[in-house]
Amino acid sequence: DREMERDLLRVQWAPRVNLSALTRWHVDRLLPALDAALAGWQTRVPTG
């Protein structure tokens, strides 16, 4: 937690997922994080 606060300060906007590929624990949480990141990537703000 301390490392995240210090080392990921410039990318606080990036979704974070804790998982285990070996045991498949919380791998299913990767999909909502991917959807959120892609939605943000394609967001357009009207000029007005």
All heavy atoms as atom14 arrays in JSON, in Angstrom:
{
  "sequence": "DREMERDLLRVQWAPRVNLSALTRWHVDRLLPALDAALAGWQTRVPTG",
  "atom14_mask": [
    [1, 1, 1, 1, 1, 1, 1, 1, 0, 0, 0, 0, 0, 0],
    [1, 1, 1, 1, 1, 1, 1, 1, 1, 1, 1, 0, 0, 0],
    [1, 1, 1, 1, 1, 1, 1, 1, 1, 0, 0, 0, 0, 0],
    [1, 1, 1, 1, 1, 1, 1, 1, 0, 0, 0, 0, 0, 0],
    [1, 1, 1, 1, 1, 1, 1, 1, 1, 0, 0, 0, 0, 0],
    [1, 1, 1, 1, 1, 1, 1, 1, 1, 1, 1, 0, 0, 0],
    [1, 1, 1, 1, 1, 1, 1, 1, 0, 0, 0, 0, 0, 0],
    [1, 1, 1, 1, 1, 1, 1, 1, 0, 0, 0, 0, 0, 0],
    [1, 1, 1, 1, 1, 1, 1, 1, 0, 0, 0, 0, 0, 0],
    [1, 1, 1, 1, 1, 1, 1, 1, 1, 1, 1, 0, 0, 0],
    [1, 1, 1, 1, 1, 1, 1, 0, 0, 0, 0, 0, 0, 0],
    [1, 1, 1, 1, 1, 1, 1, 1, 1, 0, 0, 0, 0, 0],
    [1, 1, 1, 1, 1, 1, 1, 1, 1, 1, 1, 1, 1, 1],
    [1, 1, 1, 1, 1, 0, 0, 0, 0, 0, 0, 0, 0, 0],
    [1, 1, 1, 1, 1, 1, 1, 0, 0, 0, 0, 0, 0, 0],
    [1, 1, 1, 1, 1, 1, 1, 1, 1, 1, 1, 0, 0, 0],
    [1, 1, 1, 1, 1, 1, 1, 0, 0, 0, 0, 0, 0, 0],
    [1, 1, 1, 1, 1, 1, 1, 1, 0, 0, 0, 0, 0, 0],
    [1, 1, 1, 1, 1, 1, 1, 1, 0, 0, 0, 0, 0, 0],
    [1, 1, 1, 1, 1, 1, 0, 0, 0, 0, 0, 0, 0, 0],
    [1, 1, 1, 1, 1, 0, 0, 0, 0, 0, 0, 0, 0, 0],
    [1, 1, 1, 1, 1, 1, 1, 1, 0, 0, 0, 0, 0, 0],
    [1, 1, 1, 1, 1, 1, 1, 0, 0, 0, 0, 0, 0, 0],
    [1, 1, 1, 1, 1, 1, 1, 1, 1, 1, 1, 0, 0, 0],
    [1, 1, 1, 1, 1, 1, 1, 1, 1, 1, 1, 1, 1, 1],
    [1, 1, 1, 1, 1, 1, 1, 1, 1, 1, 0, 0, 0, 0],
    [1, 1, 1, 1, 1, 1, 1, 0, 0, 0, 0, 0, 0, 0],
    [1, 1, 1, 1, 1, 1, 1, 1, 0, 0, 0, 0, 0, 0],
    [1, 1, 1, 1, 1, 1, 1, 1, 1, 1, 1, 0, 0, 0],
    [1, 1, 1, 1, 1, 1, 1, 1, 0, 0, 0, 0, 0, 0],
    [1, 1, 1, 1, 1, 1, 1, 1, 0, 0, 0, 0, 0, 0],
    [1, 1, 1, 1, 1, 1, 1, 0, 0, 0, 0, 0, 0, 0],
    [1, 1, 1, 1, 1, 0, 0, 0, 0, 0, 0, 0, 0, 0],
    [1, 1, 1, 1, 1, 1, 1, 1, 0, 0, 0, 0, 0, 0],
    [1, 1, 1, 1, 1, 1, 1, 1, 0, 0, 0, 0, 0, 0],
    [1, 1, 1, 1, 1, 0, 0, 0, 0, 0, 0, 0, 0, 0],
    [1, 1, 1, 1, 1, 0, 0, 0, 0, 0, 0, 0, 0, 0],
    [1, 1, 1, 1, 1, 1, 1, 1, 0, 0, 0, 0, 0, 0],
    [1, 1, 1, 1, 1, 0, 0, 0, 0, 0, 0, 0, 0, 0],
    [1, 1, 1, 1, 0, 0, 0, 0, 0, 0, 0, 0, 0, 0],
    [1, 1, 1, 1, 1, 1, 1, 1, 1, 1, 1, 1, 1, 1],
    [1, 1, 1, 1, 1, 1, 1, 1, 1, 0, 0, 0, 0, 0],
    [1, 1, 1, 1, 1, 1, 1, 0, 0, 0, 0, 0, 0, 0],
    [1, 1, 1, 1, 1, 1, 1, 1, 1, 1, 1, 0, 0, 0],
    [1, 1, 1, 1, 1, 1, 1, 0, 0, 0, 0, 0, 0, 0],
    [1, 1, 1, 1, 1, 1, 1, 0, 0, 0, 0, 0, 0, 0],
    [1, 1, 1, 1, 1, 1, 1, 0, 0, 0, 0, 0, 0, 0],
    [1, 1, 1, 1, 0, 0, 0, 0, 0, 0, 0, 0, 0, 0]
  ],
  "atom14_positions": [
    [[0.83, -1.21, 0.0], [0.0, 0.0, 0.0], [0.86, 1.26, 0.0], [0.58, 2.23, -0.71], [-0.92, 0.01, 1.22], [-2.05, -1.0, 1.1], [-2.34, -1.42, -0.03], [-2.62, -1.37, 2.15], [0.0, 0.0, 0.0], [0.0, 0.0, 0.0], [0.0, 0.0, 0.0], [0.0, 0.0, 0.0], [0.0, 0.0, 0.0], [0.0, 0.0, 0.0]],
    [[1.93, 1.24, 0.78], [2.84, 2.39, 0.82], [3.55, 2.56, -0.53], [3.75, 3.68, -0.99], [3.88, 2.2, 1.94], [3.34, 1.93, 3.33], [2.73, 3.19, 3.96], [1.38, 3.5, 3.49], [0.29, 2.83, 3.86], [0.37, 1.83, 4.71], [-0.89, 3.16, 3.4], [0.0, 0.0, 0.0], [0.0, 0.0, 0.0], [0.0, 0.0, 0.0]],
    [[3.94, 1.45, -1.15], [4.62, 1.5, -2.45], [3.69, 2.07, -3.52], [4.12, 2.85, -4.38], [5.11, 0.11, -2.85], [6.26, -0.41, -1.99], [6.58, -1.86, -2.29], [6.05, -2.39, -3.29], [7.33, -2.48, -1.52], [0.0, 0.0, 0.0], [0.0, 0.0, 0.0], [0.0, 0.0, 0.0], [0.0, 0.0, 0.0], [0.0, 0.0, 0.0]],
    [[2.41, 1.67, -3.49], [1.45, 2.19, -4.46], [1.31, 3.7, -4.34], [1.28, 4.42, -5.35], [0.09, 1.52, -4.27], [0.03, 0.06, -4.65], [-1.65, -0.59, -4.38], [-1.37, -2.35, -4.67], [0.0, 0.0, 0.0], [0.0, 0.0, 0.0], [0.0, 0.0, 0.0], [0.0, 0.0, 0.0], [0.0, 0.0, 0.0], [0.0, 0.0, 0.0]],
    [[1.21, 4.18, -3.1], [1.06, 5.62, -2.88], [2.28, 6.38, -3.39], [2.15, 7.49, -3.92], [0.86, 5.91, -1.4], [-0.46, 5.38, -0.84], [-0.56, 5.59, 0.66], [0.38, 6.2, 1.23], [-1.58, 5.16, 1.26], [0.0, 0.0, 0.0], [0.0, 0.0, 0.0], [0.0, 0.0, 0.0], [0.0, 0.0, 0.0], [0.0, 0.0, 0.0]],
    [[3.46, 5.77, -3.24], [4.7, 6.45, -3.63], [5.03, 6.28, -5.12], [5.33, 7.26, -5.8], [5.85, 5.91, -2.78], [7.19, 6.58, -3.07], [8.31, 5.91, -2.32], [8.58, 4.56, -2.84], [8.49, 3.46, -2.12], [8.12, 3.51, -0.84], [8.73, 2.27, -2.68], [0.0, 0.0, 0.0], [0.0, 0.0, 0.0], [0.0, 0.0, 0.0]],
    [[4.95, 5.03, -5.61], [5.46, 4.73, -6.94], [4.43, 4.88, -8.05], [4.8, 5.01, -9.22], [6.02, 3.3, -6.98], [7.17, 3.12, -5.99], [7.85, 4.12, -5.69], [7.39, 1.98, -5.52], [0.0, 0.0, 0.0], [0.0, 0.0, 0.0], [0.0, 0.0, 0.0], [0.0, 0.0, 0.0], [0.0, 0.0, 0.0], [0.0, 0.0, 0.0]],
    [[3.15, 4.84, -7.71], [2.11, 4.96, -8.74], [1.41, 6.31, -8.67], [0.27, 6.44, -9.12], [1.09, 3.83, -8.59], [1.64, 2.4, -8.71], [0.51, 1.39, -8.58], [2.37, 2.2, -10.04], [0.0, 0.0, 0.0], [0.0, 0.0, 0.0], [0.0, 0.0, 0.0], [0.0, 0.0, 0.0], [0.0, 0.0, 0.0], [0.0, 0.0, 0.0]],
    [[2.1, 7.29, -8.12], [1.5, 8.61, -7.94], [1.08, 9.23, -9.27], [0.02, 9.85, -9.38], [2.49, 9.54, -7.22], [1.99, 10.94, -6.86], [0.82, 10.82, -5.88], [3.11, 11.79, -6.28], [0.0, 0.0, 0.0], [0.0, 0.0, 0.0], [0.0, 0.0, 0.0], [0.0, 0.0, 0.0], [0.0, 0.0, 0.0], [0.0, 0.0, 0.0]],
    [[1.89, 9.02, -10.32], [1.62, 9.65, -11.62], [0.57, 8.89, -12.43], [0.11, 9.39, -13.45], [2.92, 9.77, -12.42], [3.95, 10.66, -11.73], [5.17, 10.85, -12.59], [4.89, 11.55, -13.83], [5.79, 11.83, -14.76], [7.05, 11.46, -14.58], [5.45, 12.46, -15.86], [0.0, 0.0, 0.0], [0.0, 0.0, 0.0], [0.0, 0.0, 0.0]],
    [[0.21, 7.7, -12.0], [-0.82, 6.93, -12.73], [-1.92, 6.49, -11.76], [-2.4, 5.36, -11.84], [-0.2, 5.72, -13.46], [0.61, 6.15, -14.66], [0.62, 4.86, -12.52], [0.0, 0.0, 0.0], [0.0, 0.0, 0.0], [0.0, 0.0, 0.0], [0.0, 0.0, 0.0], [0.0, 0.0, 0.0], [0.0, 0.0, 0.0], [0.0, 0.0, 0.0]],
    [[-2.29, 7.4, -10.87], [-3.37, 7.08, -9.93], [-4.67, 6.78, -10.65], [-5.56, 6.15, -10.09], [-3.57, 8.24, -8.96], [-2.43, 8.43, -7.96], [-2.69, 9.59, -7.02], [-3.42, 10.52, -7.35], [-2.1, 9.54, -5.84], [0.0, 0.0, 0.0], [0.0, 0.0, 0.0], [0.0, 0.0, 0.0], [0.0, 0.0, 0.0], [0.0, 0.0, 0.0]],
    [[-4.78, 7.23, -11.89], [-6.0, 7.03, -12.67], [-6.13, 5.6, -13.22], [-7.17, 5.23, -13.76], [-6.04, 8.02, -13.83], [-4.71, 8.24, -14.51], [-3.83, 9.25, -14.26], [-4.12, 7.42, -15.53], [-2.71, 9.12, -15.07], [-2.87, 8.01, -15.86], [-4.51, 6.28, -16.21], [-2.03, 7.48, -16.84], [-3.68, 5.74, -17.17], [-2.46, 6.34, -17.48]],
    [[-5.07, 4.79, -13.14], [-5.1, 3.44, -13.7], [-5.83, 2.48, -12.76], [-5.52, 2.42, -11.56], [-3.68, 2.94, -13.96], [0.0, 0.0, 0.0], [0.0, 0.0, 0.0], [0.0, 0.0, 0.0], [0.0, 0.0, 0.0], [0.0, 0.0, 0.0], [0.0, 0.0, 0.0], [0.0, 0.0, 0.0], [0.0, 0.0, 0.0], [0.0, 0.0, 0.0]],
    [[-6.81, 1.7, -13.24], [-7.46, 0.7, -12.39], [-6.45, -0.33, -11.89], [-5.51, -0.68, -12.61], [-8.49, 0.05, -13.33], [-8.66, 1.0, -14.46], [-7.36, 1.71, -14.61], [0.0, 0.0, 0.0], [0.0, 0.0, 0.0], [0.0, 0.0, 0.0], [0.0, 0.0, 0.0], [0.0, 0.0, 0.0], [0.0, 0.0, 0.0], [0.0, 0.0, 0.0]],
    [[-6.65, -0.82, -10.67], [-5.74, -1.82, -10.09], [-6.54, -3.07, -9.75], [-7.65, -3.0, -9.23], [-5.06, -1.27, -8.84], [-4.27, 0.02, -9.09], [-3.79, 0.65, -7.8], [-3.31, 2.0, -8.01], [-2.97, 2.84, -7.03], [-3.08, 2.43, -5.77], [-2.55, 4.05, -7.31], [0.0, 0.0, 0.0], [0.0, 0.0, 0.0], [0.0, 0.0, 0.0]],
    [[-5.93, -4.2, -10.03], [-6.58, -5.49, -9.76], [-5.58, -6.38, -9.03], [-4.43, -6.51, -9.46], [-7.02, -6.18, -11.06], [-7.68, -7.52, -10.75], [-7.97, -5.29, -11.85], [0.0, 0.0, 0.0], [0.0, 0.0, 0.0], [0.0, 0.0, 0.0], [0.0, 0.0, 0.0], [0.0, 0.0, 0.0], [0.0, 0.0, 0.0], [0.0, 0.0, 0.0]],
    [[-6.01, -6.96, -7.93], [-5.19, -7.95, -7.22], [-5.68, -9.34, -7.61], [-6.88, -9.63, -7.5], [-5.31, -7.77, -5.71], [-4.92, -6.37, -5.26], [-4.04, -5.75, -5.85], [-5.57, -5.87, -4.23], [0.0, 0.0, 0.0], [0.0, 0.0, 0.0], [0.0, 0.0, 0.0], [0.0, 0.0, 0.0], [0.0, 0.0, 0.0], [0.0, 0.0, 0.0]],
    [[-4.76, -10.19, -8.1], [-5.19, -11.5, -8.58], [-4.08, -12.53, -8.42], [-2.95, -12.2, -8.05], [-5.62, -11.41, -10.05], [-4.63, -10.82, -11.06], [-3.66, -11.87, -11.56], [-5.35, -10.19, -12.24], [0.0, 0.0, 0.0], [0.0, 0.0, 0.0], [0.0, 0.0, 0.0], [0.0, 0.0, 0.0], [0.0, 0.0, 0.0], [0.0, 0.0, 0.0]],
    [[-4.42, -13.76, -8.72], [-3.44, -14.85, -8.74], [-3.72, -15.69, -9.98], [-4.75, -16.37, -10.06], [-3.54, -15.71, -7.48], [-2.73, -16.88, -7.62], [0.0, 0.0, 0.0], [0.0, 0.0, 0.0], [0.0, 0.0, 0.0], [0.0, 0.0, 0.0], [0.0, 0.0, 0.0], [0.0, 0.0, 0.0], [0.0, 0.0, 0.0], [0.0, 0.0, 0.0]],
    [[-2.83, -15.61, -10.95], [-3.0, -16.4, -12.17], [-2.88, -17.9, -11.87], [-3.5, -18.72, -12.53], [-1.96, -15.99, -13.22], [0.0, 0.0, 0.0], [0.0, 0.0, 0.0], [0.0, 0.0, 0.0], [0.0, 0.0, 0.0], [0.0, 0.0, 0.0], [0.0, 0.0, 0.0], [0.0, 0.0, 0.0], [0.0, 0.0, 0.0], [0.0, 0.0, 0.0]],
    [[-2.1, -18.25, -10.85], [-1.88, -19.66, -10.52], [-3.15, -20.3, -9.96], [-3.55, -21.4, -10.37], [-0.74, -19.79, -9.51], [-0.35, -21.22, -9.11], [0.17, -21.98, -10.32], [0.71, -21.19, -8.01], [0.0, 0.0, 0.0], [0.0, 0.0, 0.0], [0.0, 0.0, 0.0], [0.0, 0.0, 0.0], [0.0, 0.0, 0.0], [0.0, 0.0, 0.0]],
    [[-3.82, -19.6, -9.05], [-5.03, -20.16, -8.42], [-6.32, -19.62, -9.06], [-7.41, -20.04, -8.66], [-5.06, -19.83, -6.93], [-5.17, -18.4, -6.76], [-3.8, -20.31, -6.24], [0.0, 0.0, 0.0], [0.0, 0.0, 0.0], [0.0, 0.0, 0.0], [0.0, 0.0, 0.0], [0.0, 0.0, 0.0], [0.0, 0.0, 0.0], [0.0, 0.0, 0.0]],
    [[-6.18, -18.66, -10.01], [-7.3, -18.03, -10.71], [-8.13, -17.14, -9.78], [-9.25, -16.75, -10.12], [-8.2, -19.07, -11.38], [-7.46, -19.99, -12.32], [-8.39, -20.8, -13.18], [-7.63, -21.62, -14.11], [-8.15, -22.24, -15.16], [-9.43, -22.11, -15.41], [-7.39, -22.97, -15.96], [0.0, 0.0, 0.0], [0.0, 0.0, 0.0], [0.0, 0.0, 0.0]],
    [[-7.59, -16.8, -8.63], [-8.29, -15.94, -7.67], [-8.43, -14.53, -8.23], [-7.44, -13.89, -8.59], [-7.52, -15.94, -6.35], [-8.15, -15.15, -5.25], [-9.19, -15.52, -4.46], [-7.79, -13.83, -4.83], [-9.49, -14.53, -3.55], [-8.64, -13.47, -3.76], [-6.81, -12.91, -5.24], [-8.55, -12.25, -3.11], [-6.72, -11.69, -4.6], [-7.6, -11.36, -3.54]],
    [[-9.65, -14.04, -8.33], [-10.0, -12.69, -8.76], [-9.56, -12.37, -10.2], [-9.52, -11.19, -10.57], [-9.41, -11.64, -7.8], [-10.21, -11.5, -6.56], [-9.84, -10.64, -5.54], [-11.36, -12.11, -6.12], [-10.72, -10.72, -4.55], [-11.65, -11.61, -4.88], [0.0, 0.0, 0.0], [0.0, 0.0, 0.0], [0.0, 0.0, 0.0], [0.0, 0.0, 0.0]],
    [[-9.26, -13.38, -11.01], [-8.96, -13.1, -12.42], [-10.18, -12.52, -13.11], [-10.07, -11.72, -14.05], [-8.48, -14.39, -13.13], [-8.35, -14.18, -14.64], [-7.14, -14.84, -12.57], [0.0, 0.0, 0.0], [0.0, 0.0, 0.0], [0.0, 0.0, 0.0], [0.0, 0.0, 0.0], [0.0, 0.0, 0.0], [0.0, 0.0, 0.0], [0.0, 0.0, 0.0]],
    [[-11.39, -12.89, -12.64], [-12.62, -12.37, -13.22], [-12.75, -10.86, -13.04], [-13.52, -10.2, -13.77], [-13.84, -13.08, -12.62], [-13.91, -12.93, -11.1], [-12.84, -12.91, -10.46], [-15.02, -12.82, -10.57], [0.0, 0.0, 0.0], [0.0, 0.0, 0.0], [0.0, 0.0, 0.0], [0.0, 0.0, 0.0], [0.0, 0.0, 0.0], [0.0, 0.0, 0.0]],
    [[-12.01, -10.28, -12.1], [-12.08, -8.82, -11.89], [-11.31, -8.05, -12.97], [-11.39, -6.82, -13.02], [-11.52, -8.46, -10.52], [-12.36, -8.99, -9.36], [-11.9, -8.43, -8.03], [-12.76, -8.88, -6.93], [-12.6, -8.52, -5.68], [-11.62, -7.69, -5.34], [-13.42, -8.97, -4.74], [0.0, 0.0, 0.0], [0.0, 0.0, 0.0], [0.0, 0.0, 0.0]],
    [[-10.58, -8.77, -13.78], [-9.82, -8.11, -14.84], [-10.74, -7.52, -15.91], [-10.47, -6.45, -16.45], [-8.85, -9.11, -15.48], [-7.7, -8.55, -16.32], [-6.85, -7.59, -15.5], [-6.84, -9.69, -16.85], [0.0, 0.0, 0.0], [0.0, 0.0, 0.0], [0.0, 0.0, 0.0], [0.0, 0.0, 0.0], [0.0, 0.0, 0.0], [0.0, 0.0, 0.0]],
    [[-11.85, -8.21, -16.2], [-12.75, -7.76, -17.25], [-13.37, -6.39, -16.95], [-13.32, -5.49, -17.81], [-13.84, -8.8, -17.5], [-14.89, -8.44, -18.56], [-14.22, -8.19, -19.9], [-15.93, -9.56, -18.68], [0.0, 0.0, 0.0], [0.0, 0.0, 0.0], [0.0, 0.0, 0.0], [0.0, 0.0, 0.0], [0.0, 0.0, 0.0], [0.0, 0.0, 0.0]],
    [[-13.94, -6.14, -15.75], [-14.48, -4.8, -15.47], [-13.4, -3.72, -15.54], [-13.68, -2.6, -15.98], [-15.04, -4.93, -14.05], [-15.3, -6.39, -13.87], [-14.25, -7.09, -14.64], [0.0, 0.0, 0.0], [0.0, 0.0, 0.0], [0.0, 0.0, 0.0], [0.0, 0.0, 0.0], [0.0, 0.0, 0.0], [0.0, 0.0, 0.0], [0.0, 0.0, 0.0]],
    [[-12.18, -4.05, -15.12], [-11.1, -3.07, -15.17], [-10.75, -2.73, -16.62], [-10.51, -1.56, -16.97], [-9.87, -3.6, -14.44], [0.0, 0.0, 0.0], [0.0, 0.0, 0.0], [0.0, 0.0, 0.0], [0.0, 0.0, 0.0], [0.0, 0.0, 0.0], [0.0, 0.0, 0.0], [0.0, 0.0, 0.0], [0.0, 0.0, 0.0], [0.0, 0.0, 0.0]],
    [[-10.72, -3.75, -17.5], [-10.45, -3.51, -18.93], [-11.55, -2.66, -19.55], [-11.27, -1.73, -20.32], [-10.32, -4.84, -19.66], [-9.09, -5.68, -19.35], [-9.2, -7.06, -20.01], [-7.82, -4.99, -19.83], [0.0, 0.0, 0.0], [0.0, 0.0, 0.0], [0.0, 0.0, 0.0], [0.0, 0.0, 0.0], [0.0, 0.0, 0.0], [0.0, 0.0, 0.0]],
    [[-12.8, -2.97, -19.23], [-13.92, -2.19, -19.78], [-13.85, -0.74, -19.33], [-14.08, 0.18, -20.12], [-15.26, -2.81, -19.34], [-15.62, -4.05, -20.13], [-15.16, -4.17, -21.28], [-16.35, -4.91, -19.59], [0.0, 0.0, 0.0], [0.0, 0.0, 0.0], [0.0, 0.0, 0.0], [0.0, 0.0, 0.0], [0.0, 0.0, 0.0], [0.0, 0.0, 0.0]],
    [[-13.53, -0.52, -18.05], [-13.44, 0.85, -17.53], [-12.32, 1.62, -18.22], [-12.48, 2.79, -18.59], [-13.23, 0.83, -16.02], [0.0, 0.0, 0.0], [0.0, 0.0, 0.0], [0.0, 0.0, 0.0], [0.0, 0.0, 0.0], [0.0, 0.0, 0.0], [0.0, 0.0, 0.0], [0.0, 0.0, 0.0], [0.0, 0.0, 0.0], [0.0, 0.0, 0.0]],
    [[-11.16, 0.96, -18.4], [-10.01, 1.63, -19.03], [-10.31, 1.96, -20.48], [-9.98, 3.06, -20.97], [-8.78, 0.75, -18.92], [0.0, 0.0, 0.0], [0.0, 0.0, 0.0], [0.0, 0.0, 0.0], [0.0, 0.0, 0.0], [0.0, 0.0, 0.0], [0.0, 0.0, 0.0], [0.0, 0.0, 0.0], [0.0, 0.0, 0.0], [0.0, 0.0, 0.0]],
    [[-10.95, 1.05, -21.21], [-11.28, 1.31, -22.62], [-12.34, 2.39, -22.75], [-12.29, 3.21, -23.69], [-11.74, 0.01, -23.28], [-10.63, -1.0, -23.59], [-11.22, -2.34, -23.97], [-9.75, -0.48, -24.71], [0.0, 0.0, 0.0], [0.0, 0.0, 0.0], [0.0, 0.0, 0.0], [0.0, 0.0, 0.0], [0.0, 0.0, 0.0], [0.0, 0.0, 0.0]],
    [[-13.3, 2.41, -21.83], [-14.32, 3.46, -21.86], [-13.68, 4.83, -21.65], [-14.01, 5.8, -22.35], [-15.38, 3.19, -20.8], [0.0, 0.0, 0.0], [0.0, 0.0, 0.0], [0.0, 0.0, 0.0], [0.0, 0.0, 0.0], [0.0, 0.0, 0.0], [0.0, 0.0, 0.0], [0.0, 0.0, 0.0], [0.0, 0.0, 0.0], [0.0, 0.0, 0.0]],
    [[-12.76, 4.93, -20.69], [-12.06, 6.19, -20.48], [-11.21, 6.57, -21.67], [-11.12, 7.75, -22.04], [0.0, 0.0, 0.0], [0.0, 0.0, 0.0], [0.0, 0.0, 0.0], [0.0, 0.0, 0.0], [0.0, 0.0, 0.0], [0.0, 0.0, 0.0], [0.0, 0.0, 0.0], [0.0, 0.0, 0.0], [0.0, 0.0, 0.0], [0.0, 0.0, 0.0]],
    [[-10.58, 5.59, -22.29], [-9.71, 5.8, -23.45], [-10.47, 6.4, -24.63], [-9.91, 7.13, -25.44], [-9.09, 4.46, -23.82], [-7.91, 4.5, -24.73], [-6.73, 5.14, -24.55], [-7.79, 3.8, -25.99], [-5.87, 4.89, -25.59], [-6.5, 4.08, -26.48], [-8.64, 2.97, -26.71], [-6.04, 3.54, -27.69], [-8.19, 2.44, -27.91], [-6.89, 2.74, -28.39]],
    [[-11.75, 6.07, -24.73], [-12.56, 6.52, -25.86], [-13.55, 7.62, -25.49], [-14.44, 7.93, -26.28], [-13.31, 5.32, -26.45], [-12.38, 4.26, -27.04], [-13.11, 3.03, -27.54], [-14.0, 2.52, -26.86], [-12.76, 2.56, -28.72], [0.0, 0.0, 0.0], [0.0, 0.0, 0.0], [0.0, 0.0, 0.0], [0.0, 0.0, 0.0], [0.0, 0.0, 0.0]],
    [[-13.39, 8.22, -24.32], [-14.31, 9.28, -23.88], [-14.09, 10.55, -24.69], [-12.96, 10.97, -24.93], [-14.11, 9.58, -22.38], [-14.47, 8.42, -21.63], [-14.96, 10.76, -21.95], [0.0, 0.0, 0.0], [0.0, 0.0, 0.0], [0.0, 0.0, 0.0], [0.0, 0.0, 0.0], [0.0, 0.0, 0.0], [0.0, 0.0, 0.0], [0.0, 0.0, 0.0]],
    [[-15.19, 11.16, -25.12], [-15.12, 12.44, -25.82], [-15.97, 13.46, -25.07], [-17.12, 13.17, -24.73], [-15.6, 12.32, -27.27], [-15.61, 13.66, -28.02], [-15.97, 13.5, -29.47], [-14.9, 12.87, -30.22], [-13.83, 13.5, -30.69], [-13.66, 14.81, -30.45], [-12.92, 12.86, -31.37], [0.0, 0.0, 0.0], [0.0, 0.0, 0.0], [0.0, 0.0, 0.0]],
    [[-15.41, 14.64, -24.85], [-16.12, 15.73, -24.17], [-16.6, 16.72, -25.22], [-15.79, 17.21, -26.02], [-15.19, 16.44, -23.16], [-15.95, 17.56, -22.45], [-14.65, 15.45, -22.14], [0.0, 0.0, 0.0], [0.0, 0.0, 0.0], [0.0, 0.0, 0.0], [0.0, 0.0, 0.0], [0.0, 0.0, 0.0], [0.0, 0.0, 0.0], [0.0, 0.0, 0.0]],
    [[-17.9, 17.03, -25.26], [-18.39, 18.03, -26.23], [-17.68, 19.36, -26.05], [-17.33, 19.77, -24.93], [-19.88, 18.13, -25.89], [-20.22, 16.84, -25.2], [-18.97, 16.45, -24.45], [0.0, 0.0, 0.0], [0.0, 0.0, 0.0], [0.0, 0.0, 0.0], [0.0, 0.0, 0.0], [0.0, 0.0, 0.0], [0.0, 0.0, 0.0], [0.0, 0.0, 0.0]],
    [[-17.46, 20.06, -27.16], [-16.71, 21.32, -27.11], [-17.37, 22.33, -26.18], [-16.7, 23.05, -25.42], [-16.59, 21.91, -28.52], [-15.92, 20.96, -29.36], [-15.79, 23.21, -28.5], [0.0, 0.0, 0.0], [0.0, 0.0, 0.0], [0.0, 0.0, 0.0], [0.0, 0.0, 0.0], [0.0, 0.0, 0.0], [0.0, 0.0, 0.0], [0.0, 0.0, 0.0]],
    [[-18.69, 22.4, -26.2], [-19.38, 23.35, -25.33], [-19.14, 23.04, -23.86], [-18.82, 23.94, -23.07], [0.0, 0.0, 0.0], [0.0, 0.0, 0.0], [0.0, 0.0, 0.0], [0.0, 0.0, 0.0], [0.0, 0.0, 0.0], [0.0, 0.0, 0.0], [0.0, 0.0, 0.0], [0.0, 0.0, 0.0], [0.0, 0.0, 0.0], [0.0, 0.0, 0.0]]
  ]
}
